[in-house]
Amino acid sequence: MYKHHINKAKEKMRYQRKLPIFTAIAALALICGCVYPSYEGDEFTLEEQQSVWQYLKVYSIYHERLPKTAGFMTPYDMFRAINDSLGGGRYTEYIDDRPGGGAMFDPNTKFHDPQLLTADSSTMYFRLPEFSDTALEYFILNLRKLSRYPNLIIDVRRNGGGLLSVTDSILGELLPYDTPYIKNRYRRYNNLEYVGETTEDTSRTTTRNPHLLNLDGRPKRIAVLMNDRSASASEILAAGLKDAAGAYLIGGRSYGKGIGQVIINRDGRKRISITFLEIQGITDRTGLYHKVGIKPDNVPQEIINEALERWPDAGSQYVRELYYALKMLEPEVTLNPDEGGDALAEKLNSVTAAVYGGAVAVKAAWRPMGAVVVDEKDLPIKKDFDFYVNFNLP
């Protein structure tokens, strides 16, 4: 490990000595209409420095933390200067440097069918383990089943987030068309002026014709189960449903990741994750939750006591929270054995066991995330972006 760091330091010193020469060559190449030398995977080259520099200056919501010129900075120097760490992890970085190669989702994630919790057919429970394309497909596959019942419990405990487009689509099925559900400020590329621009304090709104409204056109009565491992897209869902649909938030305070990333897949180069988005709730109830988390709603003490009497041990926290959510939506349900409480308790036990396997330990690979994925070839006017922005960044 020590030898590896020594070699990296030597590479950086060679890079710094050669940078003035590379800069002159690159400027001459630009004037002559030539292209850069081919990239060979080395982070300490002028071409890689300029590639990372231009993407950070255009897309990073914290671009002002960088100096006006790259100078002798390596990409790693730039990532440290952006300084968007959260919970011990940096979010502007080479995504391929992360353990496991930067995969966003666990390929072994299991999806479970929605479960009807009560005998009178009022409340459906649905677990969202992640916000991936697969999760969206499964959600859409179950739209018809979910639409039949007036109450819905959405479980995003231990859900670290995922794709913002998936979050938008799911919220679009739960809220009326054109409903604001979150505030954001973000960076985007202006392909007319060849610069990055910050869009301030706008609202994200739903863009779908929803299938999960009640017959009167209003949102269903919803409870969201969350905890300290509910992050990013999960928090957008929780905040949006709380502010726009009056949903109950049940469980623990959420993680507090009020930022989103754009992941740029570059041809033949390492992928870059860049924080381009800051998020907050649209009301004071959720507000600025970055590094703070979203507070759950208070559950009446009599409901807590009833659940503790049935499930007194610490390992039963998940099933107790499920009961809290159900009780908030259906106050008439009870754990009283004389009123069918034993059957209800068994149902909640079986649902929790099926989804969580009776364990509440967090997976070692858990990492909060929330991103838009872009292929370099799909960026607007890529030729102009490469050759113009390199030398004309604001």
Protein backbone atom coordinates (compact mmCIF):
# COMPACT_ATOMS: atom_id res chain seq x y z
CA MET A 1 0.00 0.00 0.00
CA TYR A 2 2.86 2.41 0.94
CA LYS A 3 4.65 1.64 -2.34
CA HIS A 4 1.41 2.31 -4.22
CA HIS A 5 1.14 5.78 -2.67
CA ILE A 6 4.82 6.53 -3.48
CA ASN A 7 4.25 5.58 -7.13
CA LYS A 8 1.12 7.74 -7.30
CA ALA A 9 3.06 10.67 -5.83
CA LYS A 10 5.80 10.24 -8.43
CA GLU A 11 3.21 10.12 -11.22
CA LYS A 12 1.66 13.33 -9.91
CA MET A 13 5.05 15.09 -9.83
CA ARG A 14 5.75 14.03 -13.44
CA TYR A 15 2.28 15.28 -14.40
CA GLN A 16 2.92 18.67 -12.79
CA ARG A 17 6.28 19.09 -14.54
CA LYS A 18 4.76 18.27 -17.94
CA LEU A 19 1.51 20.24 -17.53
CA PRO A 20 2.79 23.58 -19.00
CA ILE A 21 4.02 21.71 -22.09
CA PHE A 22 0.75 19.79 -22.42
CA THR A 23 -1.23 23.00 -22.03
CA ALA A 24 0.66 24.69 -24.85
CA ILE A 25 0.23 21.65 -27.10
CA ALA A 26 -3.50 21.45 -26.33
CA ALA A 27 -4.01 25.14 -27.04
CA LEU A 28 -2.16 24.81 -30.34
CA ALA A 29 -4.20 21.73 -31.20
CA LEU A 30 -7.40 23.65 -30.52
CA ILE A 31 -6.33 26.51 -32.77
CA CYS A 32 -5.40 24.08 -35.53
CA GLY A 33 -8.65 22.15 -35.19
CA CYS A 34 -6.83 19.01 -34.05
CA VAL A 35 -7.98 16.57 -31.38
CA TYR A 36 -6.40 15.56 -28.08
CA PRO A 37 -4.18 12.47 -27.81
CA SER A 38 -6.11 9.27 -27.08
CA TYR A 39 -6.89 8.56 -23.43
CA GLU A 40 -5.11 5.57 -21.91
CA GLY A 41 -6.69 5.42 -18.47
CA ASP A 42 -4.18 7.59 -16.58
CA GLU A 43 -5.74 10.15 -14.19
CA PHE A 44 -2.57 12.27 -14.32
CA THR A 45 -2.76 13.53 -17.90
CA LEU A 46 -3.79 16.90 -19.22
CA GLU A 47 -6.68 15.43 -21.17
CA GLU A 48 -8.13 13.71 -18.11
CA GLN A 49 -7.58 16.78 -15.96
CA GLN A 50 -9.45 18.94 -18.46
CA SER A 51 -12.24 16.39 -18.93
CA VAL A 52 -12.92 16.21 -15.19
CA TRP A 53 -12.50 19.97 -14.83
CA GLN A 54 -15.07 20.80 -17.50
CA TYR A 55 -17.67 18.39 -16.13
CA LEU A 56 -17.26 19.73 -12.58
CA LYS A 57 -17.45 23.36 -13.70
CA VAL A 58 -20.57 22.68 -15.73
CA TYR A 59 -22.46 20.21 -13.54
CA SER A 60 -21.34 20.60 -9.93
CA ILE A 61 -23.75 22.57 -7.75
CA TYR A 62 -20.61 23.42 -5.74
CA HIS A 63 -18.56 24.54 -8.75
CA GLU A 64 -17.65 27.81 -7.02
CA ARG A 65 -15.47 25.82 -4.61
CA LEU A 66 -13.01 25.24 -7.44
CA PRO A 67 -10.44 27.92 -8.36
CA LYS A 68 -10.76 29.75 -11.68
CA THR A 69 -8.21 27.52 -13.39
CA ALA A 70 -7.22 23.90 -12.89
CA GLY A 71 -3.54 24.76 -12.52
CA PHE A 72 -1.67 21.71 -11.25
CA MET A 73 -4.77 20.08 -9.73
CA THR A 74 -5.35 16.40 -10.35
CA PRO A 75 -8.92 15.03 -10.56
CA TYR A 76 -8.56 13.83 -6.96
CA ASP A 77 -7.56 17.34 -5.88
CA MET A 78 -10.74 18.63 -7.56
CA PHE A 79 -12.93 16.05 -5.83
CA ARG A 80 -11.47 17.05 -2.47
CA ALA A 81 -12.05 20.74 -3.24
CA ILE A 82 -15.73 20.07 -4.06
CA ASN A 83 -15.99 18.51 -0.58
CA ASP A 84 -19.51 17.06 -0.70
CA SER A 85 -18.89 14.27 1.80
CA LEU A 86 -21.81 12.84 3.72
CA GLY A 87 -21.69 10.09 6.32
CA GLY A 88 -17.99 9.49 5.64
CA GLY A 89 -18.40 9.09 1.87
CA ARG A 90 -17.66 11.54 -0.95
CA TYR A 91 -20.25 11.87 -3.71
CA THR A 92 -18.25 13.73 -6.34
CA GLU A 93 -15.68 11.14 -7.35
CA TYR A 94 -14.73 8.44 -9.80
CA ILE A 95 -17.57 6.02 -9.28
CA ASP A 96 -15.37 3.12 -10.43
CA ASP A 97 -13.11 3.71 -7.41
CA ARG A 98 -15.89 2.64 -5.04
CA PRO A 99 -15.85 -0.88 -3.60
CA GLY A 100 -17.57 -3.26 -5.97
CA GLY A 101 -16.91 -1.06 -9.00
CA GLY A 102 -19.59 1.48 -8.17
CA ALA A 103 -22.66 -0.67 -8.89
CA MET A 104 -25.77 1.22 -7.76
CA PHE A 105 -27.99 -1.74 -7.00
CA ASP A 106 -27.63 -5.15 -5.42
CA PRO A 107 -28.37 -7.78 -8.10
CA ASN A 108 -29.76 -10.04 -5.37
CA THR A 109 -32.47 -7.60 -4.27
CA LYS A 110 -35.81 -9.36 -3.81
CA PHE A 111 -39.16 -7.84 -4.69
CA HIS A 112 -42.33 -8.89 -2.89
CA ASP A 113 -45.95 -8.80 -3.96
CA PRO A 114 -48.24 -6.25 -2.28
CA GLN A 115 -50.03 -7.65 0.76
CA LEU A 116 -53.56 -6.94 1.96
CA LEU A 117 -53.32 -6.38 5.71
CA THR A 118 -56.92 -6.30 6.90
CA ALA A 119 -59.90 -8.57 6.45
CA ASP A 120 -62.17 -5.73 5.32
CA SER A 121 -59.93 -5.03 2.31
CA SER A 122 -58.88 -1.47 3.14
CA THR A 123 -55.07 -1.28 3.38
CA MET A 124 -52.38 -2.61 1.06
CA TYR A 125 -48.73 -2.89 2.06
CA PHE A 126 -46.01 -2.49 -0.57
CA ARG A 127 -42.26 -2.65 0.00
CA LEU A 128 -39.92 -0.58 -2.20
CA PRO A 129 -36.38 -1.88 -1.56
CA GLU A 130 -34.74 0.50 -4.08
CA PHE A 131 -35.52 3.00 -6.83
CA SER A 132 -34.22 1.11 -9.85
CA ASP A 133 -35.72 0.46 -13.27
CA THR A 134 -36.58 -3.03 -12.00
CA ALA A 135 -38.39 -1.54 -9.00
CA LEU A 136 -40.40 0.72 -11.31
CA GLU A 137 -41.36 -2.21 -13.53
CA TYR A 138 -42.53 -4.16 -10.49
CA PHE A 139 -44.47 -1.16 -9.17
CA ILE A 140 -46.24 -0.66 -12.53
CA LEU A 141 -46.95 -4.39 -12.73
CA ASN A 142 -48.86 -4.08 -9.45
CA LEU A 143 -50.72 -0.86 -10.20
CA ARG A 144 -54.03 -2.60 -10.78
CA LYS A 145 -53.82 -4.46 -7.47
CA LEU A 146 -52.79 -1.33 -5.55
CA SER A 147 -55.55 0.74 -7.12
CA ARG A 148 -58.34 -1.38 -5.61
CA TYR A 149 -57.89 -0.22 -2.01
CA PRO A 150 -58.25 3.23 -0.40
CA ASN A 151 -55.26 2.95 1.96
CA LEU A 152 -51.62 2.28 1.11
CA ILE A 153 -48.53 1.65 3.24
CA ILE A 154 -45.26 2.18 1.34
CA ASP A 155 -42.21 0.74 3.08
CA VAL A 156 -38.86 2.41 2.26
CA ARG A 157 -36.98 1.33 5.39
CA ARG A 158 -33.36 0.46 4.49
CA ASN A 159 -33.93 1.88 0.99
CA GLY A 160 -30.84 3.97 0.15
CA GLY A 161 -32.39 5.54 -2.94
CA GLY A 162 -31.63 5.16 -6.62
CA LEU A 163 -32.68 6.80 -9.86
CA LEU A 164 -34.47 10.15 -9.66
CA SER A 165 -36.42 9.34 -12.80
CA VAL A 166 -37.90 6.29 -11.06
CA THR A 167 -38.86 8.38 -8.03
CA ASP A 168 -40.57 10.91 -10.29
CA SER A 169 -42.51 8.15 -12.04
CA ILE A 170 -43.72 6.52 -8.82
CA LEU A 171 -44.80 9.84 -7.31
CA GLY A 172 -46.54 10.58 -10.60
CA GLU A 173 -48.81 7.59 -10.00
CA LEU A 174 -49.65 8.65 -6.43
CA LEU A 175 -50.31 12.39 -6.86
CA PRO A 176 -52.51 14.37 -9.25
CA TYR A 177 -50.95 15.64 -12.47
CA ASP A 178 -48.78 18.79 -12.13
CA THR A 179 -48.55 18.56 -8.33
CA PRO A 180 -45.39 20.15 -6.81
CA TYR A 181 -43.75 17.67 -4.46
CA ILE A 182 -40.17 18.87 -3.83
CA LYS A 183 -38.05 22.02 -4.20
CA ASN A 184 -34.66 21.91 -5.85
CA ARG A 185 -31.78 23.92 -7.21
CA TYR A 186 -29.60 22.30 -9.83
CA ARG A 187 -26.93 22.72 -12.49
CA ARG A 188 -27.56 22.23 -16.17
CA TYR A 189 -25.60 22.74 -19.40
CA ASN A 190 -26.59 25.69 -21.59
CA ASN A 191 -25.69 24.44 -25.06
CA LEU A 192 -26.19 27.88 -26.61
CA GLU A 193 -23.79 29.76 -24.36
CA TYR A 194 -21.54 26.74 -23.68
CA VAL A 195 -21.66 27.23 -19.93
CA GLY A 196 -23.15 25.60 -16.87
CA GLU A 197 -26.06 27.40 -15.24
CA THR A 198 -27.69 27.11 -11.82
CA THR A 199 -31.47 26.97 -11.71
CA GLU A 200 -32.60 28.28 -8.33
CA ASP A 201 -35.46 27.17 -6.07
CA THR A 202 -37.81 25.53 -8.53
CA SER A 203 -40.39 22.87 -7.75
CA ARG A 204 -40.39 19.42 -9.26
CA THR A 205 -43.93 18.50 -10.28
CA THR A 206 -45.63 15.31 -11.36
CA THR A 207 -45.90 14.70 -15.09
CA ARG A 208 -48.01 11.53 -15.37
CA ASN A 209 -51.70 10.76 -15.52
CA PRO A 210 -51.96 8.82 -12.24
CA HIS A 211 -53.60 5.46 -11.74
CA LEU A 212 -53.55 5.35 -7.93
CA LEU A 213 -55.89 8.18 -6.98
CA ASN A 214 -59.18 7.48 -5.25
CA LEU A 215 -62.42 7.79 -7.20
CA ASP A 216 -62.81 11.43 -6.12
CA GLY A 217 -59.47 12.29 -7.78
CA ARG A 218 -57.68 12.75 -4.48
CA PRO A 219 -54.60 10.84 -3.32
CA LYS A 220 -55.08 7.68 -1.31
CA ARG A 221 -54.57 7.74 2.43
CA ILE A 222 -50.92 6.84 2.67
CA ALA A 223 -48.40 5.95 5.37
CA VAL A 224 -44.67 5.80 4.60
CA LEU A 225 -42.46 3.56 6.71
CA MET A 226 -38.92 4.94 6.99
CA ASN A 227 -35.85 4.80 9.22
CA ASP A 228 -32.27 6.04 9.44
CA ARG A 229 -31.39 4.01 6.34
CA SER A 230 -34.07 5.64 4.20
CA ALA A 231 -32.14 8.08 2.04
CA SER A 232 -32.13 10.21 -1.09
CA ALA A 233 -34.94 9.02 -3.37
CA SER A 234 -36.71 7.51 -0.34
CA GLU A 235 -36.64 10.92 1.33
CA ILE A 236 -37.99 12.59 -1.81
CA LEU A 237 -40.87 10.12 -1.78
CA ALA A 238 -41.52 10.62 1.93
CA ALA A 239 -41.31 14.42 1.77
CA GLY A 240 -43.40 14.60 -1.39
CA LEU A 241 -46.18 12.41 -0.05
CA LYS A 242 -46.15 14.19 3.31
CA ASP A 243 -46.32 17.69 1.84
CA ALA A 244 -48.56 17.01 -1.16
CA ALA A 245 -50.82 14.22 0.12
CA GLY A 246 -50.71 14.51 3.90
CA ALA A 247 -49.16 11.07 4.29
CA TYR A 248 -48.17 9.76 7.70
CA LEU A 249 -44.42 9.24 8.17
CA ILE A 250 -43.87 6.34 10.54
CA GLY A 251 -40.67 4.90 12.01
CA GLY A 252 -37.38 6.71 12.55
CA ARG A 253 -35.79 9.92 11.32
CA SER A 254 -34.51 9.48 7.76
CA TYR A 255 -30.84 9.57 6.76
CA GLY A 256 -30.62 13.15 5.50
CA LYS A 257 -29.31 13.05 1.91
CA GLY A 258 -30.73 16.16 0.30
CA ILE A 259 -28.40 16.07 -2.71
CA GLY A 260 -28.53 14.19 -6.01
CA GLN A 261 -25.84 13.16 -8.46
CA VAL A 262 -25.43 12.96 -12.19
CA ILE A 263 -23.39 9.92 -13.22
CA ILE A 264 -21.57 10.50 -16.48
CA ASN A 265 -20.57 7.40 -18.43
CA ARG A 266 -17.53 8.48 -20.43
CA ASP A 267 -16.30 6.58 -23.44
CA GLY A 268 -13.18 4.64 -22.46
CA ARG A 269 -12.77 6.50 -19.18
CA LYS A 270 -13.79 6.15 -15.56
CA ARG A 271 -17.36 7.18 -14.78
CA ILE A 272 -17.76 10.37 -12.76
CA SER A 273 -20.40 11.01 -10.10
CA ILE A 274 -21.09 14.74 -9.63
CA THR A 275 -23.46 16.37 -7.14
CA PHE A 276 -25.63 18.58 -9.34
CA LEU A 277 -28.81 18.86 -7.27
CA GLU A 278 -29.85 20.17 -3.85
CA ILE A 279 -33.29 19.18 -2.55
CA GLN A 280 -35.67 20.28 0.18
CA GLY A 281 -39.32 19.78 1.14
CA ILE A 282 -41.92 22.21 -0.17
CA THR A 283 -43.29 22.95 3.31
CA ASP A 284 -41.73 23.81 6.66
CA ARG A 285 -42.75 20.34 7.87
CA THR A 286 -40.03 18.70 5.77
CA GLY A 287 -37.93 21.73 4.79
CA LEU A 288 -34.14 21.58 4.57
CA TYR A 289 -33.40 18.00 5.58
CA HIS A 290 -29.85 17.57 4.20
CA LYS A 291 -27.58 16.15 6.93
CA VAL A 292 -30.55 16.39 9.31
CA GLY A 293 -33.13 13.91 8.05
CA ILE A 294 -36.92 14.04 7.98
CA LYS A 295 -38.63 13.58 11.32
CA PRO A 296 -41.40 10.96 11.52
CA ASP A 297 -44.84 11.81 12.84
CA ASN A 298 -45.65 11.22 16.48
CA VAL A 299 -47.58 8.04 17.20
CA PRO A 300 -50.06 8.26 20.09
CA GLN A 301 -48.70 6.60 23.22
CA GLU A 302 -51.70 4.28 23.57
CA ILE A 303 -50.92 2.79 20.14
CA ILE A 304 -47.27 2.33 21.12
CA ASN A 305 -48.27 0.66 24.39
CA GLU A 306 -50.67 -1.70 22.61
CA ALA A 307 -47.91 -2.76 20.20
CA LEU A 308 -45.33 -3.17 22.98
CA GLU A 309 -47.66 -5.44 24.86
CA ARG A 310 -47.90 -7.74 21.84
CA TRP A 311 -44.25 -7.38 20.66
CA PRO A 312 -42.11 -6.41 23.68
CA ASP A 313 -38.63 -7.40 22.42
CA ALA A 314 -36.27 -4.98 20.65
CA GLY A 315 -36.08 -7.17 17.53
CA SER A 316 -39.78 -6.61 16.87
CA GLN A 317 -39.34 -2.91 16.01
CA TYR A 318 -40.19 -3.44 12.33
CA VAL A 319 -43.48 -5.21 12.98
CA ARG A 320 -44.45 -2.65 15.63
CA GLU A 321 -43.86 0.16 13.12
CA LEU A 322 -46.01 -1.66 10.57
CA TYR A 323 -48.80 -1.78 13.14
CA TYR A 324 -48.38 1.94 13.89
CA ALA A 325 -48.80 2.74 10.17
CA LEU A 326 -51.87 0.52 9.87
CA LYS A 327 -53.44 1.95 13.02
CA MET A 328 -52.98 5.53 11.76
CA LEU A 329 -54.80 4.61 8.54
CA GLU A 330 -57.43 2.37 10.16
CA PRO A 331 -58.00 3.52 13.78
CA GLU A 332 -60.61 0.81 14.31
CA VAL A 333 -58.15 -2.11 13.99
CA THR A 334 -57.03 -3.66 17.27
CA LEU A 335 -54.73 -6.28 18.71
CA ASN A 336 -57.40 -7.35 21.19
CA PRO A 337 -57.73 -11.14 20.81
CA ASP A 338 -61.50 -10.95 21.31
CA GLU A 339 -61.79 -8.71 18.26
CA GLY A 340 -59.61 -10.65 15.83
CA GLY A 341 -56.34 -9.21 17.11
CA ASP A 342 -54.51 -12.54 17.01
CA ALA A 343 -55.19 -12.98 13.29
CA LEU A 344 -54.04 -9.42 12.58
CA ALA A 345 -50.85 -9.89 14.60
CA GLU A 346 -50.05 -13.09 12.71
CA LYS A 347 -50.60 -11.32 9.40
CA LEU A 348 -48.23 -8.49 10.36
CA ASN A 349 -45.67 -11.00 11.61
CA SER A 350 -45.76 -12.98 8.37
CA VAL A 351 -45.49 -9.89 6.16
CA THR A 352 -42.51 -8.55 8.12
CA ALA A 353 -40.78 -11.92 8.15
CA ALA A 354 -41.28 -12.39 4.41
CA VAL A 355 -39.82 -8.98 3.56
CA TYR A 356 -37.04 -8.69 6.13
CA GLY A 357 -36.42 -12.33 7.00
CA GLY A 358 -36.78 -11.56 10.67
CA ALA A 359 -33.52 -9.57 10.63
CA VAL A 360 -33.07 -5.82 10.88
CA ALA A 361 -29.30 -5.65 10.36
CA VAL A 362 -28.17 -3.24 7.64
CA LYS A 363 -26.32 -4.79 4.71
CA ALA A 364 -22.60 -3.93 4.69
CA ALA A 365 -22.88 -2.67 1.11
CA TRP A 366 -25.64 -0.18 1.93
CA ARG A 367 -24.88 3.28 0.62
CA PRO A 368 -27.31 6.17 0.18
CA MET A 369 -27.61 7.19 -3.45
CA GLY A 370 -29.69 9.18 -5.87
CA ALA A 371 -28.65 9.84 -9.40
CA VAL A 372 -29.40 10.65 -13.00
CA VAL A 373 -27.32 8.54 -15.39
CA VAL A 374 -26.04 10.16 -18.59
CA ASP A 375 -23.92 8.68 -21.36
CA GLU A 376 -21.25 11.06 -22.63
CA LYS A 377 -22.42 10.48 -26.19
CA ASP A 378 -25.89 11.75 -25.22
CA LEU A 379 -24.69 15.09 -23.85
CA PRO A 380 -25.82 18.13 -25.87
CA ILE A 381 -23.49 19.19 -28.70
CA LYS A 382 -20.68 16.98 -27.46
CA LYS A 383 -18.17 18.31 -29.98
CA ASP A 384 -18.66 21.91 -28.87
CA PHE A 385 -18.72 20.80 -25.25
CA ASP A 386 -15.36 19.06 -25.60
CA PHE A 387 -13.52 21.69 -27.59
CA TYR A 388 -15.09 24.95 -26.47
CA VAL A 389 -15.85 24.49 -22.78
CA ASN A 390 -12.35 23.16 -22.05
CA PHE A 391 -10.88 26.61 -22.58
CA ASN A 392 -13.83 28.94 -22.01
CA LEU A 393 -15.31 27.92 -18.68
CA PRO A 394 -16.64 30.80 -16.58
